[in-house]
Protein backbone atom coordinates (compact mmCIF):
# COMPACT_ATOMS: atom_id res chain seq x y z
CA MET A 1 -6.57 -13.78 -18.71
CA ILE A 2 -6.98 -10.22 -17.42
CA GLU A 3 -6.99 -10.01 -13.64
CA ILE A 4 -8.33 -7.09 -11.60
CA LYS A 5 -7.36 -6.72 -7.95
CA ASN A 6 -7.30 -3.99 -5.31
CA PHE A 7 -4.27 -1.72 -5.48
CA SER A 8 -3.97 -1.63 -1.69
CA GLU A 9 -6.00 -1.80 1.50
CA LYS A 10 -5.67 1.97 1.86
CA PHE A 11 -6.88 2.65 -1.69
CA ASN A 12 -9.35 -0.15 -2.29
CA ASP A 13 -11.19 1.89 -4.98
CA ILE A 14 -8.05 1.91 -7.11
CA LYS A 15 -7.65 -1.30 -9.11
CA LEU A 16 -4.47 -2.84 -10.43
CA VAL A 17 -5.01 -4.64 -13.71
CA ASN A 18 -2.80 -7.49 -14.88
CA LEU A 19 -3.26 -7.42 -18.63
CA HIS A 20 -3.50 -10.53 -20.72
CA ALA A 21 -0.29 -10.69 -22.72
CA PHE A 22 0.85 -13.17 -25.31
CA LYS A 23 4.40 -13.22 -26.66
CA ASP A 24 5.89 -15.31 -29.42
CA VAL A 25 8.33 -14.92 -32.31
CA ARG A 26 5.99 -12.39 -33.93
CA GLY A 27 6.12 -10.05 -30.93
CA ASP A 28 3.63 -9.07 -28.25
CA PHE A 29 -0.15 -9.14 -28.22
CA SER A 30 -2.05 -7.73 -25.23
CA LYS A 31 -5.67 -7.39 -24.24
CA LEU A 32 -6.35 -4.21 -22.27
CA TYR A 33 -10.12 -4.35 -21.94
CA THR A 34 -13.01 -6.78 -22.08
CA SER A 35 -16.52 -5.56 -21.26
CA LYS A 36 -17.40 -8.86 -19.59
CA LEU A 37 -14.72 -8.42 -16.92
CA PHE A 38 -14.97 -4.63 -16.55
CA LYS A 39 -18.79 -4.41 -16.54
CA ASN A 40 -18.86 -3.24 -12.89
CA THR A 41 -15.65 -1.20 -12.75
CA LEU A 42 -15.52 0.44 -16.20
CA PRO A 43 -18.86 -0.29 -17.86
CA LYS A 44 -18.23 1.98 -20.85
CA ILE A 45 -15.36 3.69 -22.60
CA ASP A 46 -16.12 7.04 -24.21
CA GLU A 47 -12.64 8.22 -25.18
CA VAL A 48 -9.26 6.60 -25.80
CA TYR A 49 -6.00 8.56 -25.80
CA PHE A 50 -2.34 7.83 -26.17
CA SER A 51 0.65 10.07 -25.72
CA THR A 52 4.34 9.70 -26.42
CA SER A 53 6.66 11.83 -24.33
CA PRO A 54 10.42 12.15 -23.79
CA LYS A 55 12.29 11.40 -20.56
CA ASN A 56 11.61 13.76 -17.60
CA THR A 57 8.17 14.81 -18.89
CA ILE A 58 5.48 15.19 -16.24
CA ARG A 59 1.87 15.19 -17.46
CA GLY A 60 -0.75 16.20 -14.92
CA ILE A 61 -2.05 16.15 -12.26
CA HIS A 62 -5.45 16.48 -13.98
CA PHE A 63 -9.04 15.92 -12.96
CA GLN A 64 -12.48 16.92 -14.13
CA HIS A 65 -15.35 18.34 -12.06
CA GLU A 66 -18.96 17.15 -12.02
CA PRO A 67 -21.05 16.47 -13.92
CA GLU A 68 -18.40 14.87 -16.15
CA GLN A 69 -15.92 13.27 -13.77
CA LEU A 70 -13.76 10.63 -15.42
CA LEU A 71 -12.85 7.05 -14.63
CA LYS A 72 -9.57 6.09 -16.31
CA LEU A 73 -7.78 2.89 -17.25
CA ILE A 74 -4.09 3.62 -17.85
CA THR A 75 -1.26 1.46 -19.14
CA CYS A 76 2.24 2.09 -20.43
CA VAL A 77 2.63 0.58 -23.89
CA SER A 78 6.36 1.26 -24.22
CA GLY A 79 9.01 2.71 -21.95
CA GLU A 80 8.59 3.31 -18.22
CA ILE A 81 6.55 5.79 -16.20
CA THR A 82 5.78 6.69 -12.62
CA ASP A 83 1.99 6.87 -12.47
CA VAL A 84 0.50 9.02 -9.69
CA PHE A 85 -3.03 9.37 -8.36
CA ILE A 86 -4.43 11.59 -5.59
CA ASP A 87 -7.79 11.24 -3.83
CA LEU A 88 -9.90 14.41 -4.23
CA ARG A 89 -13.27 13.04 -3.07
CA LYS A 90 -15.06 15.28 -0.56
CA ASN A 91 -16.04 12.66 2.00
CA SER A 92 -13.18 10.23 1.59
CA LYS A 93 -11.03 9.12 4.52
CA THR A 94 -8.05 9.21 2.14
CA TYR A 95 -8.73 12.73 0.80
CA GLY A 96 -5.44 14.39 -0.18
CA MET A 97 -3.48 11.14 0.01
CA PHE A 98 -1.64 9.88 -3.03
CA GLU A 99 0.37 6.94 -4.30
CA ALA A 100 2.69 6.21 -7.18
CA LEU A 101 3.58 3.05 -9.06
CA LYS A 102 5.74 2.11 -12.01
CA LEU A 103 4.10 1.05 -15.22
CA THR A 104 6.24 -0.24 -18.06
CA GLY A 105 5.86 -1.65 -21.52
CA GLU A 106 7.16 -4.93 -20.09
CA ASN A 107 5.23 -5.45 -16.85
CA ASN A 108 1.75 -5.73 -18.47
CA LEU A 109 0.09 -3.71 -15.72
CA GLY A 110 -2.63 -1.14 -15.89
CA ILE A 111 -4.31 0.95 -13.25
CA LEU A 112 -7.99 1.76 -12.97
CA ILE A 113 -8.54 5.16 -11.36
CA PRO A 114 -12.14 5.98 -10.38
CA GLU A 115 -13.97 9.28 -10.54
CA GLY A 116 -12.90 11.76 -7.90
CA PHE A 117 -9.15 11.24 -8.28
CA GLY A 118 -6.49 13.41 -9.88
CA HIS A 119 -4.00 11.67 -12.16
CA GLY A 120 -0.57 12.32 -13.63
CA TYR A 121 2.61 10.56 -14.66
CA SER A 122 6.28 11.15 -15.35
CA VAL A 123 8.48 9.52 -17.97
CA LEU A 124 11.49 7.60 -16.61
CA SER A 125 12.79 6.02 -19.83
CA ASP A 126 14.17 7.81 -22.91
CA SER A 127 10.55 7.99 -24.09
CA ALA A 128 7.26 6.35 -23.17
CA THR A 129 3.91 5.77 -24.80
CA VAL A 130 0.92 5.76 -22.49
CA LEU A 131 -2.55 4.56 -23.45
CA TYR A 132 -5.61 5.47 -21.47
CA CYS A 133 -9.28 4.82 -21.83
CA GLN A 134 -11.84 6.89 -19.99
CA SER A 135 -15.52 6.98 -19.23
CA GLY A 136 -17.07 10.32 -19.98
CA ASN A 137 -15.86 12.98 -22.36
CA TYR A 138 -13.18 15.58 -21.90
CA ASP A 139 -14.69 18.98 -21.18
CA ALA A 140 -12.29 21.94 -21.06
CA ALA A 141 -14.78 23.95 -18.98
CA LEU A 142 -14.74 21.26 -16.27
CA GLU A 143 -11.04 20.41 -16.41
CA SER A 144 -8.72 21.43 -13.60
CA GLY A 145 -5.43 20.37 -12.14
CA ILE A 146 -2.85 20.55 -9.40
CA ASN A 147 0.70 21.77 -9.87
CA PRO A 148 2.46 18.38 -9.93
CA LEU A 149 5.48 19.65 -8.03
CA SER A 150 3.30 20.68 -5.08
CA ILE A 151 2.83 17.15 -3.77
CA GLU A 152 5.73 15.29 -2.23
CA VAL A 153 6.01 12.43 -4.67
CA ASP A 154 9.23 11.18 -6.24
CA TRP A 155 8.54 11.77 -9.92
CA GLY A 156 11.93 10.24 -10.80
CA THR A 157 12.89 13.18 -12.99
CA GLU A 158 16.06 15.26 -12.89
CA SER A 159 14.90 18.29 -14.88
CA PRO A 160 11.11 18.05 -15.20
CA ILE A 161 9.49 19.06 -18.47
CA ILE A 162 6.08 20.46 -17.52
CA SER A 163 3.59 22.36 -19.65
CA GLN A 164 2.92 25.99 -18.77
CA LYS A 165 -0.70 25.03 -18.12
CA ASP A 166 0.28 22.39 -15.54
CA LYS A 167 2.75 24.78 -13.88
CA SER A 168 0.02 27.40 -13.61
CA TYR A 169 -2.32 25.18 -11.60
CA LYS A 170 -2.51 25.93 -7.88
CA ASN A 171 -0.32 24.08 -5.42
CA PHE A 172 -2.17 21.36 -3.57
CA ASP A 173 -3.50 22.35 -0.17
CA SER A 174 -5.86 19.86 1.45
CA THR A 175 -7.72 22.68 3.19
CA ASP A 176 -8.53 24.45 -0.10
CA GLY A 177 -12.05 23.55 -1.20
CA GLU A 178 -11.07 24.00 -4.86
CA PHE A 179 -9.71 20.46 -4.91
CA LEU A 180 -12.80 18.79 -3.50
CA ILE A 181 -14.72 16.91 -6.16
């Protein structure tokens, strides 16, 4: 049975999802989503993505401005990642604060990140495959990001592999209105 619980008292809008997993001699079978359980937290899924990346890759930190902010459900299908989220909501008491957690292909965890948060992850294992579902549609005109190395999080990488686009994003500064969404 899938279980949804608060990530922490500090970030009670972030949800940790224990996925339903079944293992036998044939392998693994997991349920990531059921509309009945997610009807209040993720009532619809508009896009589904997966990526496979080598060790030391950092993807993000990405977010999308209104009117197409995104709610995301993320899980690591294989390998191990450090998943990072940062609160970018204008009137939030946790604005600019962030957390990280490990998601693996073995721990059957997912994280539900609401609208108004930036998101990224780094690959800790030789490679990792990450699956994420999101409400809303990607819109390049509304997309933005934060240089991932500008927040003091332990990405767990020795020599980070970061896209030129992600490197070109501004460093995070909580006083800069650009990051308020």
